[in-house]
């Protein structure tokens, strides 16, 4: 895409360039007016997005898709749907709508409460977060029994693989060697410790989390490399490449970890400090149009809008305000800009657009691109933004 087309897309989102001015360079997307900053409006657009995506899943036409031979199959225990369902759990609690609760419970039953098939892989532990929610909503201990059996097998024989990421054949994925894994797995392990009272699950999670953080966190930029293959990679202008959605997974993952640690847990202050450090860096990287660039250090005119990273950051910052970890006066404007940007890229039918496809690095997206994980992030954001807004 030509650079001036990207500038046009960014300017359109800020309202400074009308569709006619785009000519034939880029199809002008429909842009909703920003949703009003009140609870009813936020809930309404959250329900619209959730209902659209549930309908797509029911019809078998939604991403995510998993390659199986020459066919694309929905992976009901995979990380893509897992992320959507995690967002739906928080939104179900907020909205009180029984249809969302029913879907989550029914999906767990259909999955026989099993995690994914790969024993060690963090992606296949993500769905467990929805099973813990189901346990609290009527499914009982049966909802976490297969996950406990899986985690016990790992504790009996933990991986000692290197965290170095080999793109040709990544063997390190038996550990949390890519930053996305911080959202995928730790919260499931911490909740298992909380439910069972067995500190071994907590100790494993924190040991692996800090090993990953010590390896992938850049102390100069206060951001995470996606994996070790990016340590030396630079863009055309010599800047480090920090992937928006990858860091979104981290900020959101840490926000989900902190409440699962007791207030007197010795790891909690360090984890809170890391969260605040990332938040302070990220708020300075938000673009004027409310989005974060797919490559976080890139300028606003280098990429079109991208909603998955923006949704995770909006959620993570709103969560911090709501839980007294971030200064409302400093961070609320960023949350408002992020939420406004997200609401403007929801299609009239509820489809969330401008979602970067499955990947591991910054790339462009289009108005029609969507995916389960971004819808989950949007619902997480909707939940926390609603809680930020006074009732009236």
Protein backbone atom coordinates (compact mmCIF):
# COMPACT_ATOMS: atom_id res chain seq x y z
CA UNK A 1 0.00 0.00 0.00
CA UNK A 2 1.32 3.43 -0.91
CA UNK A 3 2.37 5.61 2.01
CA UNK A 4 -0.07 8.37 1.04
CA UNK A 5 -2.89 5.79 1.20
CA UNK A 6 -1.92 4.99 4.77
CA UNK A 7 -1.92 8.66 5.63
CA UNK A 8 -5.38 8.93 4.12
CA UNK A 9 -6.68 6.05 6.19
CA UNK A 10 -5.30 7.53 9.39
CA UNK A 11 -6.69 10.97 8.60
CA UNK A 12 -10.09 9.55 7.78
CA UNK A 13 -10.27 8.00 11.23
CA UNK A 14 -9.57 11.35 12.82
CA UNK A 15 -12.30 12.96 10.76
CA UNK A 16 -9.87 15.18 8.89
CA UNK A 17 -10.31 13.62 5.45
CA UNK A 18 -13.61 12.77 3.83
CA UNK A 19 -14.22 9.60 1.77
CA UNK A 20 -14.33 11.48 -1.52
CA UNK A 21 -10.76 12.67 -1.06
CA UNK A 22 -9.51 9.09 -1.07
CA UNK A 23 -10.35 8.66 -4.75
CA UNK A 24 -9.40 5.24 -6.03
CA UNK A 25 -6.46 4.73 -3.68
CA UNK A 26 -8.35 2.91 -0.95
CA UNK A 27 -12.02 1.95 -0.59
CA UNK A 28 -13.47 4.29 2.01
CA UNK A 29 -14.79 2.28 4.98
CA UNK A 30 -18.05 3.03 6.71
CA UNK A 31 -17.19 4.74 9.97
CA UNK A 32 -19.67 4.82 12.78
CA UNK A 33 -19.86 7.97 14.84
CA UNK A 34 -18.13 7.47 18.14
CA UNK A 35 -20.30 5.69 20.69
CA UNK A 36 -21.47 8.09 23.42
CA UNK A 37 -19.52 7.90 26.65
CA UNK A 38 -22.25 6.31 28.75
CA UNK A 39 -22.94 2.83 30.04
CA UNK A 40 -25.97 2.12 27.90
CA UNK A 41 -24.12 2.94 24.69
CA UNK A 42 -21.05 0.92 25.65
CA UNK A 43 -23.14 -2.10 26.59
CA UNK A 44 -25.14 -1.79 23.40
CA UNK A 45 -22.13 -1.83 21.09
CA UNK A 46 -20.55 -4.63 23.13
CA UNK A 47 -23.68 -6.73 22.67
CA UNK A 48 -23.77 -5.90 18.97
CA UNK A 49 -20.21 -7.11 18.46
CA UNK A 50 -20.67 -10.19 20.66
CA UNK A 51 -23.95 -11.21 19.02
CA UNK A 52 -22.57 -10.82 15.51
CA UNK A 53 -19.58 -13.00 16.28
CA UNK A 54 -21.59 -15.67 18.07
CA UNK A 55 -23.86 -15.88 15.03
CA UNK A 56 -20.83 -16.31 12.78
CA UNK A 57 -19.45 -19.10 14.94
CA UNK A 58 -22.81 -20.82 14.99
CA UNK A 59 -22.89 -20.68 11.21
CA UNK A 60 -19.39 -22.11 10.93
CA UNK A 61 -18.12 -19.19 8.89
CA UNK A 62 -16.00 -17.24 11.38
CA UNK A 63 -12.29 -17.28 11.87
CA UNK A 64 -10.26 -18.65 13.60
CA UNK A 65 -9.52 -21.54 11.29
CA UNK A 66 -7.12 -24.40 11.77
CA UNK A 67 -5.44 -26.11 8.85
CA UNK A 68 -6.20 -29.82 8.63
CA UNK A 69 -5.05 -31.34 5.35
CA UNK A 70 -6.78 -29.34 2.65
CA UNK A 71 -9.64 -28.23 4.89
CA UNK A 72 -10.21 -25.39 7.33
CA UNK A 73 -11.81 -26.46 10.59
CA UNK A 74 -12.92 -24.46 13.59
CA UNK A 75 -10.73 -25.26 16.60
CA UNK A 76 -13.05 -25.04 19.58
CA UNK A 77 -10.22 -25.53 22.11
CA UNK A 78 -7.70 -23.29 20.39
CA UNK A 79 -6.29 -19.96 21.44
CA UNK A 80 -8.27 -17.95 18.90
CA UNK A 81 -11.69 -18.96 20.20
CA UNK A 82 -10.27 -19.10 23.70
CA UNK A 83 -9.50 -15.39 23.55
CA UNK A 84 -13.00 -14.63 22.31
CA UNK A 85 -14.59 -16.67 25.08
CA UNK A 86 -12.43 -15.06 27.76
CA UNK A 87 -13.69 -11.67 26.65
CA UNK A 88 -17.21 -13.04 26.61
CA UNK A 89 -16.90 -14.27 30.23
CA UNK A 90 -16.18 -10.77 31.51
CA UNK A 91 -18.87 -9.25 29.33
CA UNK A 92 -21.39 -11.89 30.43
CA UNK A 93 -20.77 -10.98 34.06
CA UNK A 94 -21.20 -7.29 33.27
CA UNK A 95 -24.28 -7.51 31.07
CA UNK A 96 -26.07 -10.29 32.93
CA UNK A 97 -27.28 -11.68 29.60
CA UNK A 98 -28.00 -15.39 30.00
CA UNK A 99 -27.34 -16.15 26.33
CA UNK A 100 -23.65 -15.42 26.84
CA UNK A 101 -23.44 -17.59 29.93
CA UNK A 102 -25.19 -20.38 28.05
CA UNK A 103 -22.77 -20.25 25.15
CA UNK A 104 -19.69 -20.43 27.36
CA UNK A 105 -21.09 -23.35 29.35
CA UNK A 106 -22.24 -25.17 26.24
CA UNK A 107 -18.83 -24.77 24.61
CA UNK A 108 -17.14 -26.22 27.66
CA UNK A 109 -19.50 -29.19 27.74
CA UNK A 110 -18.95 -29.81 24.03
CA UNK A 111 -15.19 -29.67 24.64
CA UNK A 112 -15.60 -32.16 27.51
CA UNK A 113 -13.73 -29.50 29.52
CA UNK A 114 -10.47 -30.52 27.86
CA UNK A 115 -7.61 -28.15 27.08
CA UNK A 116 -5.89 -28.39 23.72
CA UNK A 117 -4.01 -31.52 22.75
CA UNK A 118 -0.45 -30.22 23.10
CA UNK A 119 0.69 -30.93 26.64
CA UNK A 120 3.11 -28.06 27.16
CA UNK A 121 1.97 -25.45 24.65
CA UNK A 122 0.64 -22.27 26.26
CA UNK A 123 -1.88 -21.76 23.45
CA UNK A 124 -3.62 -24.96 24.49
CA UNK A 125 -3.92 -23.82 28.11
CA UNK A 126 -5.81 -20.62 27.32
CA UNK A 127 -9.27 -22.17 27.04
CA UNK A 128 -8.91 -23.30 30.67
CA UNK A 129 -9.56 -19.73 31.80
CA UNK A 130 -13.13 -20.11 30.55
CA UNK A 131 -13.49 -23.43 32.37
CA UNK A 132 -12.61 -21.79 35.68
CA UNK A 133 -15.31 -19.22 34.96
CA UNK A 134 -17.73 -22.06 34.17
CA UNK A 135 -16.84 -23.73 37.47
CA UNK A 136 -18.02 -20.60 39.27
CA UNK A 137 -21.20 -20.47 37.19
CA UNK A 138 -22.63 -23.88 37.87
CA UNK A 139 -20.34 -26.40 36.16
CA UNK A 140 -18.54 -27.35 39.36
CA UNK A 141 -15.18 -29.04 39.78
CA UNK A 142 -15.77 -31.30 36.77
CA UNK A 143 -15.05 -28.26 34.57
CA UNK A 144 -11.41 -28.12 35.64
CA UNK A 145 -10.60 -31.81 36.20
CA UNK A 146 -9.01 -32.43 32.77
CA UNK A 147 -6.98 -29.23 33.05
CA UNK A 148 -5.73 -30.24 36.49
CA UNK A 149 -4.65 -33.59 35.10
CA UNK A 150 -2.77 -31.82 32.30
CA UNK A 151 -1.05 -29.40 34.67
CA UNK A 152 -0.10 -32.23 37.02
CA UNK A 153 1.61 -34.03 34.14
CA UNK A 154 3.61 -30.88 33.42
CA UNK A 155 4.59 -30.45 37.07
CA UNK A 156 5.78 -34.05 37.12
CA UNK A 157 8.02 -33.45 34.12
CA UNK A 158 8.53 -29.72 33.40
CA UNK A 159 10.23 -28.72 30.19
CA UNK A 160 13.82 -27.54 30.35
CA UNK A 161 13.91 -26.29 26.75
CA UNK A 162 15.85 -23.16 25.90
CA UNK A 163 13.81 -19.99 25.40
CA UNK A 164 15.64 -19.24 22.17
CA UNK A 165 13.16 -19.12 19.29
CA UNK A 166 14.20 -20.94 16.11
CA UNK A 167 11.88 -19.78 13.34
CA UNK A 168 12.57 -22.86 11.22
CA UNK A 169 11.59 -25.30 13.95
CA UNK A 170 10.69 -23.62 17.26
CA UNK A 171 11.37 -26.18 19.97
CA UNK A 172 11.05 -23.65 22.76
CA UNK A 173 7.24 -23.61 22.63
CA UNK A 174 7.20 -26.23 25.36
CA UNK A 175 7.89 -23.15 27.49
CA UNK A 176 6.57 -19.57 27.32
CA UNK A 177 9.19 -18.37 24.84
CA UNK A 178 6.96 -15.93 22.89
CA UNK A 179 5.31 -12.96 24.52
CA UNK A 180 1.75 -13.95 23.54
CA UNK A 181 2.05 -16.86 25.95
CA UNK A 182 1.81 -14.45 28.89
CA UNK A 183 -1.89 -14.05 28.13
CA UNK A 184 -2.42 -17.66 27.13
CA UNK A 185 -1.25 -19.63 30.13
CA UNK A 186 -0.28 -17.94 33.43
CA UNK A 187 -3.79 -16.95 34.51
CA UNK A 188 -4.94 -20.56 34.19
CA UNK A 189 -2.09 -21.75 36.38
CA UNK A 190 -2.64 -19.06 38.99
CA UNK A 191 -6.34 -19.79 39.18
CA UNK A 192 -5.61 -23.49 39.63
CA UNK A 193 -3.46 -22.55 42.63
CA UNK A 194 -6.24 -20.35 43.99
CA UNK A 195 -8.93 -23.02 43.57
CA UNK A 196 -6.93 -25.98 44.88
CA UNK A 197 -4.79 -24.23 47.48
CA UNK A 198 -1.77 -25.96 45.96
CA UNK A 199 1.09 -23.44 45.67
CA UNK A 200 2.96 -25.59 43.14
CA UNK A 201 0.80 -24.21 40.33
CA UNK A 202 1.50 -20.64 41.41
CA UNK A 203 5.22 -21.30 41.77
CA UNK A 204 5.44 -22.83 38.31
CA UNK A 205 3.56 -19.93 36.74
CA UNK A 206 5.68 -17.24 38.36
CA UNK A 207 8.95 -19.02 37.67
CA UNK A 208 8.12 -19.38 33.98
CA UNK A 209 6.66 -15.89 33.73
CA UNK A 210 9.78 -14.21 35.11
CA UNK A 211 12.04 -16.39 32.95
CA UNK A 212 10.11 -15.17 29.90
CA UNK A 213 10.11 -11.56 31.09
CA UNK A 214 13.80 -11.54 31.89
CA UNK A 215 14.46 -12.86 28.39
CA UNK A 216 12.04 -10.84 26.22
CA UNK A 217 11.52 -7.54 28.06
CA UNK A 218 13.62 -4.68 26.70
CA UNK A 219 14.62 -2.53 29.71
CA UNK A 220 15.45 0.42 27.47
CA UNK A 221 12.08 0.57 25.70
CA UNK A 222 9.93 -1.00 28.44
CA UNK A 223 8.34 -3.29 25.83
CA UNK A 224 8.50 -6.99 25.01
CA UNK A 225 10.07 -8.48 21.93
CA UNK A 226 7.71 -11.01 20.42
CA UNK A 227 10.42 -13.69 20.68
CA UNK A 228 14.21 -13.91 20.50
CA UNK A 229 14.24 -13.90 16.69
CA UNK A 230 13.39 -10.17 16.89
CA UNK A 231 16.28 -9.17 19.18
CA UNK A 232 18.41 -7.89 16.30
CA UNK A 233 15.68 -7.12 13.80
CA UNK A 234 15.22 -3.49 12.80
CA UNK A 235 12.89 -1.69 10.41
CA UNK A 236 14.00 0.38 7.41
CA UNK A 237 14.72 3.35 9.69
CA UNK A 238 16.77 1.33 12.16
CA UNK A 239 14.10 1.11 14.87
CA UNK A 240 13.42 -1.96 16.95
CA UNK A 241 10.25 -3.81 15.98
CA UNK A 242 7.84 -4.20 18.86
CA UNK A 243 4.59 -5.81 17.81
CA UNK A 244 1.46 -4.08 19.03
CA UNK A 245 -0.73 -7.15 19.55
CA UNK A 246 2.18 -9.03 21.14
CA UNK A 247 2.59 -6.33 23.76
CA UNK A 248 -1.20 -6.18 24.03
CA UNK A 249 -1.22 -9.85 24.96
CA UNK A 250 1.33 -9.05 27.67
CA UNK A 251 -0.40 -6.03 29.22
CA UNK A 252 -3.75 -7.82 29.23
CA UNK A 253 -2.16 -11.01 30.54
CA UNK A 254 -0.51 -9.22 33.44
CA UNK A 255 -3.80 -7.46 34.21
CA UNK A 256 -5.42 -10.89 34.46
CA UNK A 257 -2.60 -12.29 36.60
CA UNK A 258 -2.46 -9.61 39.29
CA UNK A 259 -5.96 -10.24 40.78
CA UNK A 260 -5.17 -13.95 41.08
CA UNK A 261 -2.27 -13.31 43.44
CA UNK A 262 -3.08 -12.71 47.11
CA UNK A 263 -2.49 -9.18 48.32
CA UNK A 264 0.44 -10.39 50.45
CA UNK A 265 2.04 -12.50 47.72
CA UNK A 266 5.72 -11.50 47.47
CA UNK A 267 5.53 -11.50 43.66
CA UNK A 268 2.66 -9.05 43.48
CA UNK A 269 4.54 -5.73 44.00
CA UNK A 270 7.07 -6.63 41.31
CA UNK A 271 4.29 -7.61 38.92
CA UNK A 272 2.42 -4.37 39.61
CA UNK A 273 5.62 -2.41 38.99
CA UNK A 274 6.09 -4.13 35.63
CA UNK A 275 2.49 -3.38 34.70
CA UNK A 276 2.86 0.31 35.56
CA UNK A 277 6.14 0.55 33.66
CA UNK A 278 4.55 -0.85 30.52
CA UNK A 279 1.46 1.32 30.88
CA UNK A 280 3.57 4.48 31.19
CA UNK A 281 5.45 3.60 28.00
CA UNK A 282 2.38 2.60 26.02
CA UNK A 283 0.36 5.70 26.81
CA UNK A 284 3.11 7.74 25.15
CA UNK A 285 2.97 5.60 22.00
CA UNK A 286 -0.75 6.00 21.26
CA UNK A 287 -1.39 7.82 17.98
CA UNK A 288 -3.58 10.94 17.71
CA UNK A 289 -6.34 8.88 16.05
CA UNK A 290 -6.63 6.69 19.18
CA UNK A 291 -4.96 3.60 17.73
CA UNK A 292 -1.58 2.10 18.48
CA UNK A 293 0.49 1.32 15.41
CA UNK A 294 1.01 -2.38 14.56
CA UNK A 295 4.73 -1.60 15.04
CA UNK A 296 4.73 0.40 18.24
CA UNK A 297 7.65 2.68 17.45
CA UNK A 298 6.39 3.49 13.94
CA UNK A 299 4.92 6.85 13.02
CA UNK A 300 1.18 7.31 12.61
CA UNK A 301 1.40 7.47 8.81
CA UNK A 302 3.24 4.17 8.34
CA UNK A 303 0.35 1.73 8.94
CA UNK A 304 -3.42 1.80 8.59
CA UNK A 305 -5.55 1.33 11.74
CA UNK A 306 -5.24 -1.94 13.69
CA UNK A 307 -7.82 -2.88 16.28
CA UNK A 308 -6.56 -6.00 18.10
CA UNK A 309 -3.57 -4.37 19.79
CA UNK A 310 -5.59 -1.23 20.43
CA UNK A 311 -8.36 -3.24 22.10
CA UNK A 312 -5.93 -5.03 24.42
CA UNK A 313 -4.24 -1.76 25.41
CA UNK A 314 -7.58 -0.02 25.98
CA UNK A 315 -8.63 -2.90 28.20
CA UNK A 316 -5.35 -3.02 30.10
CA UNK A 317 -5.26 0.71 30.83
CA UNK A 318 -8.94 0.88 31.80
CA UNK A 319 -8.44 -2.09 34.13
CA UNK A 320 -5.57 -0.29 35.84
CA UNK A 321 -7.66 2.82 36.46
CA UNK A 322 -10.55 0.77 37.78
CA UNK A 323 -8.27 -1.08 40.19
CA UNK A 324 -6.43 1.95 41.51
CA UNK A 325 -3.09 1.14 39.88
CA UNK A 326 -3.07 3.99 37.35
CA UNK A 327 -3.78 7.70 37.79
CA UNK A 328 -7.19 8.40 36.31
CA UNK A 329 -6.27 11.93 35.24
CA UNK A 330 -3.26 10.70 33.30
CA UNK A 331 -4.65 7.55 31.69
CA UNK A 332 -8.36 8.20 31.18
CA UNK A 333 -7.83 10.34 28.05
CA UNK A 334 -5.90 7.47 26.42
CA UNK A 335 -8.68 5.04 27.26
CA UNK A 336 -11.29 7.38 25.85
CA UNK A 337 -9.32 7.84 22.62
CA UNK A 338 -8.79 4.10 22.31
CA UNK A 339 -12.42 3.25 22.91
CA UNK A 340 -13.59 5.93 20.47
CA UNK A 341 -11.26 4.51 17.79
CA UNK A 342 -12.54 0.98 18.37
CA UNK A 343 -16.21 1.92 18.18
CA UNK A 344 -15.67 3.70 14.88
CA UNK A 345 -14.38 0.54 13.15
CA UNK A 346 -17.35 -1.65 14.09
CA UNK A 347 -19.35 -2.44 10.96
CA UNK A 348 -23.07 -1.66 10.94
CA UNK A 349 -23.83 -5.38 11.46
CA UNK A 350 -21.44 -5.71 14.43
CA UNK A 351 -18.35 -7.05 12.69
CA UNK A 352 -15.14 -5.63 14.19
CA UNK A 353 -12.86 -4.46 11.39
CA UNK A 354 -9.19 -3.58 10.89
CA UNK A 355 -7.93 -6.71 12.69
CA UNK A 356 -4.45 -7.91 11.81
CA UNK A 357 -4.48 -11.57 10.77
CA UNK A 358 -2.81 -14.36 12.73
CA UNK A 359 0.90 -13.66 12.76
CA UNK A 360 3.89 -12.77 14.86
CA UNK A 361 4.92 -9.30 13.70
CA UNK A 362 3.54 -5.96 12.54
CA UNK A 363 1.57 -6.04 9.29
CA UNK A 364 -1.33 -4.12 7.78
CA UNK A 365 -5.03 -4.85 8.10
CA UNK A 366 -8.16 -3.79 6.21
CA UNK A 367 -11.65 -2.67 7.10
CA UNK A 368 -13.07 -6.16 6.46
CA UNK A 369 -10.45 -8.13 8.42
CA UNK A 370 -11.69 -9.61 11.69
CA UNK A 371 -10.80 -12.46 14.02
CA UNK A 372 -11.95 -14.10 17.24
CA UNK A 373 -9.11 -12.86 19.42
CA UNK A 374 -9.79 -9.22 18.57
CA UNK A 375 -13.48 -9.61 19.41
CA UNK A 376 -12.44 -11.06 22.76
CA UNK A 377 -10.15 -8.09 23.35
CA UNK A 378 -12.94 -5.69 22.36
CA UNK A 379 -15.27 -7.30 24.92
CA UNK A 380 -12.60 -7.09 27.61
CA UNK A 381 -12.25 -3.41 26.79
CA UNK A 382 -16.01 -2.87 26.75
CA UNK A 383 -16.28 -4.43 30.20
CA UNK A 384 -13.64 -2.25 31.80
CA UNK A 385 -14.66 0.93 29.98
CA UNK A 386 -18.23 0.46 31.18
CA UNK A 387 -16.94 0.24 34.75
CA UNK A 388 -15.06 3.48 34.28
CA UNK A 389 -18.19 5.42 33.39
CA UNK A 390 -20.37 6.66 36.24
CA UNK A 391 -23.92 5.36 36.26
CA UNK A 392 -26.44 7.92 35.11
